[in-house]
């Protein structure tokens, strides 16, 4: 397999020629066929310029090649997408999702007609799962995934017979669109279909979550999205709640985490589980910023904490251990900056550390009031 960067000048000239041939409205079918043959060969190269240029060529195909015969256009798109997103470890940046969504729309439609399009769908899903820039993610957040053929197409990505890499990409992609998926899913299907999708989704999480931090982050995001949606909350198995331990991998502003913190139905749902460990994890998460919570949820946290500590003194030790671990994590982050820094990010960290210590003091007041007095 070719991988040396010494092929870069040749590759650049090839891509320039391929792009001009595709955009040339007088190109013959034979010339376009030569482009496809060259794209297949270029896909053997593994250095970083190839995925980037392949994705640029994919964009060219999707935006300027309407004059091509449809079979050649889509084959060129498939080969370019393959070259761009078949390798782990380097993904071209996707600044806008529209061309990839159009590509998915076409191949989801073919899937609905009975054609196996797993390979093309896998690379496009990887593009949105792993290559999306912040701007792209903002646009995806406004995308409606419940329209045909996306709704059934996305559901199909989690079925047991799908390839492992496709499932992993699907999980991460779903974490990007969760706000437009979970709250309305039950409006489009029967209760049995909700349960079937939950079983497929949980099975995928069990299979792929060990892969890497990014996948764990996606699984945790999806767990929180399910916990926030009443129709999904009922179907969360006990072992999936344990992914709460990865909440620290999420950004502080994670939308599903923020929604769950403000959802008064989450704690009662966790109290009904057979094992109370997920409930204790959730209490630790809420105690980190208890003063910012809604008054009703603060009452829930204090009540459940008091009951749990009364049943087992080890609960207090465990919660305190997690609060102290969070303090250590924030302190280690701060140590990477100058003590004199007035950077906005540093000030935010200092404020979070102050609020955490205030929360811990409140925790002591709840669990050991006689010591405080």
Protein backbone atom coordinates (compact mmCIF):
# COMPACT_ATOMS: atom_id res chain seq x y z
CA UNK A 1 0.00 0.00 0.00
CA UNK A 2 1.37 3.40 -0.98
CA UNK A 3 1.79 5.81 1.90
CA UNK A 4 4.85 7.99 1.29
CA UNK A 5 4.35 11.79 1.09
CA UNK A 6 6.75 11.79 -1.87
CA UNK A 7 3.69 11.01 -3.97
CA UNK A 8 2.08 14.29 -2.86
CA UNK A 9 3.04 16.42 -5.92
CA UNK A 10 1.74 13.73 -8.28
CA UNK A 11 -1.41 13.36 -6.19
CA UNK A 12 -2.07 17.10 -6.23
CA UNK A 13 -1.80 17.20 -10.02
CA UNK A 14 -4.10 14.19 -10.29
CA UNK A 15 -6.75 15.79 -8.09
CA UNK A 16 -6.56 19.04 -10.05
CA UNK A 17 -7.09 17.08 -13.27
CA UNK A 18 -9.93 15.01 -11.79
CA UNK A 19 -11.70 18.11 -10.52
CA UNK A 20 -11.46 19.95 -13.82
CA UNK A 21 -12.68 16.88 -15.73
CA UNK A 22 -15.70 16.50 -13.46
CA UNK A 23 -16.61 20.19 -13.75
CA UNK A 24 -16.12 20.26 -17.53
CA UNK A 25 -19.57 19.92 -19.07
CA UNK A 26 -18.07 18.60 -22.32
CA UNK A 27 -16.30 15.64 -20.64
CA UNK A 28 -17.24 12.36 -22.27
CA UNK A 29 -18.49 9.31 -20.45
CA UNK A 30 -15.14 7.63 -21.14
CA UNK A 31 -13.25 10.55 -19.58
CA UNK A 32 -15.44 10.43 -16.47
CA UNK A 33 -14.87 6.68 -16.35
CA UNK A 34 -11.13 7.37 -16.24
CA UNK A 35 -11.74 9.72 -13.32
CA UNK A 36 -13.49 6.90 -11.45
CA UNK A 37 -10.62 4.50 -12.16
CA UNK A 38 -8.12 7.09 -10.89
CA UNK A 39 -10.18 7.70 -7.75
CA UNK A 40 -10.18 4.01 -6.98
CA UNK A 41 -6.38 3.90 -7.28
CA UNK A 42 -5.83 7.07 -5.27
CA UNK A 43 -7.86 5.52 -2.47
CA UNK A 44 -4.90 3.20 -1.85
CA UNK A 45 -2.79 6.14 -0.64
CA UNK A 46 -2.88 6.75 3.10
CA UNK A 47 -1.14 10.04 3.87
CA UNK A 48 -3.24 12.94 5.11
CA UNK A 49 -3.52 14.91 1.88
CA UNK A 50 -5.53 12.13 0.22
CA UNK A 51 -8.58 12.19 2.56
CA UNK A 52 -8.65 15.98 2.48
CA UNK A 53 -8.47 16.21 -1.29
CA UNK A 54 -10.95 13.34 -1.70
CA UNK A 55 -13.46 15.23 0.42
CA UNK A 56 -12.86 18.40 -1.60
CA UNK A 57 -13.54 16.37 -4.72
CA UNK A 58 -16.68 14.93 -3.13
CA UNK A 59 -17.92 18.48 -2.53
CA UNK A 60 -17.14 19.34 -6.14
CA UNK A 61 -19.14 16.33 -7.34
CA UNK A 62 -22.13 17.18 -5.16
CA UNK A 63 -22.22 20.90 -5.97
CA UNK A 64 -21.10 21.26 -9.60
CA UNK A 65 -21.65 17.93 -11.34
CA UNK A 66 -25.38 18.06 -12.04
CA UNK A 67 -24.55 17.75 -15.75
CA UNK A 68 -23.14 14.25 -15.25
CA UNK A 69 -25.23 11.13 -15.86
CA UNK A 70 -26.68 10.18 -12.44
CA UNK A 71 -24.94 6.80 -12.29
CA UNK A 72 -21.53 8.42 -12.85
CA UNK A 73 -22.21 11.28 -10.46
CA UNK A 74 -23.14 9.01 -7.57
CA UNK A 75 -20.33 6.56 -8.26
CA UNK A 76 -17.86 9.47 -8.24
CA UNK A 77 -19.39 10.65 -4.95
CA UNK A 78 -19.10 7.18 -3.43
CA UNK A 79 -15.45 6.76 -4.43
CA UNK A 80 -14.52 10.24 -3.20
CA UNK A 81 -16.33 9.68 0.10
CA UNK A 82 -14.59 6.31 0.44
CA UNK A 83 -11.17 7.90 -0.02
CA UNK A 84 -12.00 10.65 2.46
CA UNK A 85 -13.37 8.66 5.39
CA UNK A 86 -12.20 5.08 5.19
CA UNK A 87 -9.14 5.57 7.45
CA UNK A 88 -9.22 5.90 11.23
CA UNK A 89 -7.10 8.57 12.85
CA UNK A 90 -7.46 11.32 10.26
CA UNK A 91 -10.77 12.81 9.17
CA UNK A 92 -11.16 15.80 6.84
CA UNK A 93 -13.03 18.70 8.39
CA UNK A 94 -16.67 19.00 7.30
CA UNK A 95 -17.55 22.68 7.50
CA UNK A 96 -21.15 22.24 6.36
CA UNK A 97 -23.30 19.10 6.39
CA UNK A 98 -25.60 19.76 3.43
CA UNK A 99 -23.70 17.84 0.74
CA UNK A 100 -23.17 14.86 3.06
CA UNK A 101 -26.84 14.92 4.07
CA UNK A 102 -27.86 14.96 0.40
CA UNK A 103 -25.59 11.98 -0.20
CA UNK A 104 -27.15 10.16 2.77
CA UNK A 105 -30.64 11.06 1.59
CA UNK A 106 -29.99 9.42 -1.79
CA UNK A 107 -28.47 6.25 -0.31
CA UNK A 108 -31.08 5.92 2.44
CA UNK A 109 -33.65 6.04 -0.35
CA UNK A 110 -31.84 3.23 -2.19
CA UNK A 111 -31.74 1.27 1.08
CA UNK A 112 -35.50 1.67 1.42
CA UNK A 113 -35.85 0.16 -2.06
CA UNK A 114 -33.95 -2.93 -0.97
CA UNK A 115 -30.38 -2.12 -2.04
CA UNK A 116 -27.49 -2.70 0.36
CA UNK A 117 -25.77 0.67 0.70
CA UNK A 118 -24.01 0.06 4.01
CA UNK A 119 -20.56 1.03 2.73
CA UNK A 120 -21.60 4.39 1.27
CA UNK A 121 -23.78 5.14 4.29
CA UNK A 122 -20.95 4.21 6.65
CA UNK A 123 -18.47 6.68 5.16
CA UNK A 124 -21.03 9.48 5.05
CA UNK A 125 -22.03 8.80 8.65
CA UNK A 126 -18.36 8.85 9.66
CA UNK A 127 -18.06 12.26 7.98
CA UNK A 128 -20.80 13.72 10.17
CA UNK A 129 -19.80 11.76 13.28
CA UNK A 130 -16.06 12.44 13.32
CA UNK A 131 -15.33 15.24 10.83
CA UNK A 132 -17.93 17.85 11.75
CA UNK A 133 -16.59 21.27 12.73
CA UNK A 134 -18.36 23.36 15.43
CA UNK A 135 -20.13 25.27 12.64
CA UNK A 136 -21.26 22.01 11.08
CA UNK A 137 -22.55 20.76 14.45
CA UNK A 138 -24.57 23.95 14.89
CA UNK A 139 -26.21 23.35 11.52
CA UNK A 140 -26.82 19.68 12.32
CA UNK A 141 -28.58 20.72 15.51
CA UNK A 142 -31.25 22.36 13.31
CA UNK A 143 -31.56 19.38 10.98
CA UNK A 144 -34.83 17.42 11.22
CA UNK A 145 -33.89 13.72 11.21
CA UNK A 146 -37.50 12.55 11.34
CA UNK A 147 -38.26 13.31 7.69
CA UNK A 148 -38.21 10.46 5.13
CA UNK A 149 -36.02 8.67 4.28
CA UNK A 150 -33.78 9.75 7.16
CA UNK A 151 -36.02 8.53 9.97
CA UNK A 152 -36.09 4.90 8.89
CA UNK A 153 -32.55 5.14 7.56
CA UNK A 154 -31.09 6.27 10.87
CA UNK A 155 -33.06 3.62 12.75
CA UNK A 156 -31.62 0.97 10.45
CA UNK A 157 -28.03 1.92 11.36
CA UNK A 158 -28.42 0.31 14.79
CA UNK A 159 -29.70 -3.08 13.70
CA UNK A 160 -27.67 -6.12 14.78
CA UNK A 161 -26.56 -7.07 11.26
CA UNK A 162 -24.80 -3.76 10.58
CA UNK A 163 -20.97 -3.53 10.48
CA UNK A 164 -19.18 -2.57 13.69
CA UNK A 165 -17.66 0.62 12.23
CA UNK A 166 -21.04 1.74 10.93
CA UNK A 167 -22.60 1.25 14.37
CA UNK A 168 -19.82 3.25 16.00
CA UNK A 169 -20.24 6.12 13.55
CA UNK A 170 -24.03 5.95 13.92
CA UNK A 171 -23.77 6.28 17.69
CA UNK A 172 -21.59 9.39 17.42
CA UNK A 173 -23.79 10.88 14.68
CA UNK A 174 -26.91 10.33 16.79
CA UNK A 175 -25.25 12.15 19.70
CA UNK A 176 -25.00 15.23 17.44
CA UNK A 177 -28.72 15.24 16.56
CA UNK A 178 -30.13 13.91 19.84
CA UNK A 179 -32.16 17.04 20.61
CA UNK A 180 -34.20 16.61 17.42
CA UNK A 181 -34.51 12.82 17.73
CA UNK A 182 -35.42 11.56 21.19
CA UNK A 183 -38.11 14.08 22.20
CA UNK A 184 -40.26 13.39 19.12
CA UNK A 185 -39.36 9.80 18.21
CA UNK A 186 -42.46 8.29 19.80
CA UNK A 187 -44.70 10.58 17.72
CA UNK A 188 -43.69 8.70 14.59
CA UNK A 189 -43.80 5.06 15.71
CA UNK A 190 -45.72 2.64 17.92
CA UNK A 191 -44.70 1.90 21.54
CA UNK A 192 -43.36 -1.48 20.38
CA UNK A 193 -41.14 0.25 17.82
CA UNK A 194 -39.78 2.53 20.56
CA UNK A 195 -38.84 -0.53 22.60
CA UNK A 196 -37.29 -2.25 19.57
CA UNK A 197 -35.15 0.79 18.79
CA UNK A 198 -34.07 1.06 22.42
CA UNK A 199 -32.98 -2.57 22.41
CA UNK A 200 -30.97 -2.07 19.21
CA UNK A 201 -29.45 1.15 20.55
CA UNK A 202 -28.44 -0.42 23.87
CA UNK A 203 -26.94 -3.38 22.04
CA UNK A 204 -24.81 -1.02 19.93
CA UNK A 205 -23.64 0.85 23.03
CA UNK A 206 -22.63 -2.45 24.63
CA UNK A 207 -20.70 -3.43 21.50
CA UNK A 208 -18.81 -0.26 20.62
CA UNK A 209 -18.47 1.81 23.79
CA UNK A 210 -15.14 0.22 24.72
CA UNK A 211 -13.53 1.62 21.57
CA UNK A 212 -12.38 5.10 22.60
CA UNK A 213 -13.18 8.22 24.60
CA UNK A 214 -15.14 9.81 21.77
CA UNK A 215 -17.50 6.83 21.61
CA UNK A 216 -17.90 6.82 25.41
CA UNK A 217 -18.75 10.51 25.22
CA UNK A 218 -21.38 9.79 22.56
CA UNK A 219 -22.86 6.92 24.59
CA UNK A 220 -23.10 9.15 27.68
CA UNK A 221 -24.75 11.93 25.66
CA UNK A 222 -27.32 9.47 24.33
CA UNK A 223 -27.97 8.04 27.81
CA UNK A 224 -28.74 11.55 29.08
CA UNK A 225 -30.97 12.21 26.06
CA UNK A 226 -32.90 9.02 26.79
CA UNK A 227 -33.14 9.90 30.48
CA UNK A 228 -34.63 13.28 29.61
CA UNK A 229 -37.31 11.79 27.31
CA UNK A 230 -40.13 10.04 29.19
CA UNK A 231 -40.83 7.48 26.46
CA UNK A 232 -37.19 6.38 26.40
CA UNK A 233 -36.44 6.62 30.12
CA UNK A 234 -38.58 3.57 30.81
CA UNK A 235 -36.43 1.42 28.51
CA UNK A 236 -32.98 2.24 29.88
CA UNK A 237 -31.48 -0.98 31.28
CA UNK A 238 -29.65 -0.86 34.58
CA UNK A 239 -26.19 -1.42 33.12
CA UNK A 240 -26.57 1.53 30.72
CA UNK A 241 -27.13 3.93 33.61
CA UNK A 242 -23.58 3.10 34.66
CA UNK A 243 -22.31 5.26 31.79
CA UNK A 244 -23.02 8.20 34.09
CA UNK A 245 -19.46 7.65 35.32
CA UNK A 246 -18.27 9.17 32.02
CA UNK A 247 -20.19 12.44 32.47
CA UNK A 248 -16.89 14.17 33.26
CA UNK A 249 -15.91 13.54 29.61
CA UNK A 250 -18.68 15.86 28.41
CA UNK A 251 -18.36 19.58 27.94
CA UNK A 252 -19.72 21.59 30.84
CA UNK A 253 -22.36 23.07 28.57
CA UNK A 254 -23.57 19.70 27.23
CA UNK A 255 -27.26 20.29 26.31
CA UNK A 256 -28.57 16.86 27.41
CA UNK A 257 -26.68 17.11 30.70
CA UNK A 258 -28.15 20.56 31.28
CA UNK A 259 -31.66 19.30 30.46
CA UNK A 260 -31.34 16.31 32.78
CA UNK A 261 -30.10 18.46 35.64
CA UNK A 262 -33.33 20.45 35.34
CA UNK A 263 -35.63 17.46 34.86
CA UNK A 264 -37.43 16.53 38.11
CA UNK A 265 -38.34 13.08 36.75
CA UNK A 266 -34.78 11.74 36.52
CA UNK A 267 -34.19 11.18 40.25
CA UNK A 268 -37.51 9.32 40.75
CA UNK A 269 -36.67 7.10 37.79
CA UNK A 270 -33.27 6.26 39.27
CA UNK A 271 -34.81 5.56 42.68
CA UNK A 272 -36.88 2.83 41.03
CA UNK A 273 -33.85 0.95 39.71
CA UNK A 274 -32.84 -2.27 41.50
CA UNK A 275 -29.25 -1.12 41.97
CA UNK A 276 -28.77 2.27 43.59
CA UNK A 277 -25.27 2.90 42.20
CA UNK A 278 -26.55 4.93 39.21
CA UNK A 279 -28.62 7.05 41.61
CA UNK A 280 -25.53 7.76 43.73
CA UNK A 281 -23.55 8.71 40.61
CA UNK A 282 -26.32 11.09 39.57
CA UNK A 283 -26.41 12.63 43.05
CA UNK A 284 -22.66 13.26 42.82
CA UNK A 285 -23.15 14.98 39.46
CA UNK A 286 -25.89 17.20 40.86
CA UNK A 287 -23.99 18.02 44.06
CA UNK A 288 -21.18 19.55 41.99
CA UNK A 289 -23.39 22.55 41.17
CA UNK A 290 -26.31 22.16 43.54
CA UNK A 291 -26.69 25.90 44.14
CA UNK A 292 -27.49 26.40 40.46
CA UNK A 293 -30.29 23.83 40.39
CA UNK A 294 -33.99 24.55 40.47
CA UNK A 295 -35.31 24.72 44.03
CA UNK A 296 -37.50 21.63 43.53
CA UNK A 297 -34.53 19.58 42.33
CA UNK A 298 -32.38 20.86 45.20
CA UNK A 299 -35.04 19.54 47.58
CA UNK A 300 -34.98 16.18 45.77
CA UNK A 301 -31.19 15.95 46.00
CA UNK A 302 -31.11 16.77 49.70
CA UNK A 303 -33.97 14.41 50.52
CA UNK A 304 -32.56 11.46 48.56
CA UNK A 305 -29.04 12.07 49.84
CA UNK A 306 -30.25 12.16 53.45
CA UNK A 307 -32.15 8.90 53.00
CA UNK A 308 -29.25 7.19 51.22
CA UNK A 309 -26.72 8.22 53.87
CA UNK A 310 -29.06 7.04 56.64
CA UNK A 311 -29.26 3.62 54.99
CA UNK A 312 -25.52 3.34 54.40
CA UNK A 313 -22.75 5.57 55.79
CA UNK A 314 -20.57 4.50 52.86
CA UNK A 315 -22.72 6.66 50.56
CA UNK A 316 -21.48 9.82 52.27
CA UNK A 317 -17.87 8.70 51.87
CA UNK A 318 -18.39 7.87 48.20
CA UNK A 319 -20.09 11.16 47.37
CA UNK A 320 -17.41 13.08 49.21
CA UNK A 321 -14.73 11.12 47.35
CA UNK A 322 -16.27 12.11 44.00
CA UNK A 323 -16.58 15.77 45.01
CA UNK A 324 -12.94 15.78 46.10
CA UNK A 325 -11.91 14.09 42.85
CA UNK A 326 -13.70 16.82 40.90
CA UNK A 327 -11.88 19.45 42.96
CA UNK A 328 -8.56 17.78 42.12
CA UNK A 329 -9.46 17.69 38.41
CA UNK A 330 -10.23 21.42 38.36
CA UNK A 331 -7.08 22.26 40.34
CA UNK A 332 -4.95 20.28 37.88
CA UNK A 333 -6.49 22.20 35.00
CA UNK A 334 -5.74 25.49 36.71
CA UNK A 335 -2.11 24.51 37.31
CA UNK A 336 -1.52 24.54 33.56
CA UNK A 337 -2.06 28.32 33.60
CA UNK A 338 -0.25 31.17 35.31
CA UNK A 339 -1.57 32.05 38.75
CA UNK A 340 -1.81 35.64 37.52
CA UNK A 341 -3.78 34.81 34.40
CA UNK A 342 -6.97 36.80 33.78
CA UNK A 343 -7.94 34.74 30.75
CA UNK A 344 -11.70 34.23 30.51
CA UNK A 345 -11.32 30.45 30.49
CA UNK A 346 -9.15 30.57 33.61
CA UNK A 347 -11.65 32.80 35.38
CA UNK A 348 -14.39 30.30 34.52
CA UNK A 349 -12.33 27.48 36.04
CA UNK A 350 -11.74 29.50 39.22
CA UNK A 351 -15.46 30.20 39.52
CA UNK A 352 -16.30 26.51 39.03
CA UNK A 353 -13.79 25.56 41.72
CA UNK A 354 -15.26 28.14 44.12
CA UNK A 355 -18.81 26.88 43.42
CA UNK A 356 -17.73 23.28 43.91
CA UNK A 357 -16.25 24.09 47.32
CA UNK A 358 -19.45 25.92 48.27
CA UNK A 359 -21.43 22.86 47.19
CA UNK A 360 -19.21 20.60 49.30
CA UNK A 361 -19.76 22.82 52.34
CA UNK A 362 -23.50 22.51 51.76
CA UNK A 363 -23.05 18.74 51.47
CA UNK A 364 -21.44 18.69 54.92
CA UNK A 365 -24.32 20.75 56.31
CA UNK A 366 -26.80 18.18 55.02
CA UNK A 367 -24.92 15.03 55.97
CA UNK A 368 -23.22 16.12 59.20
CA UNK A 369 -25.20 19.07 60.64
CA UNK A 370 -24.00 18.38 64.17
CA UNK A 371 -20.37 18.79 63.10
CA UNK A 372 -21.12 22.11 61.40
CA UNK A 373 -22.78 23.40 64.56
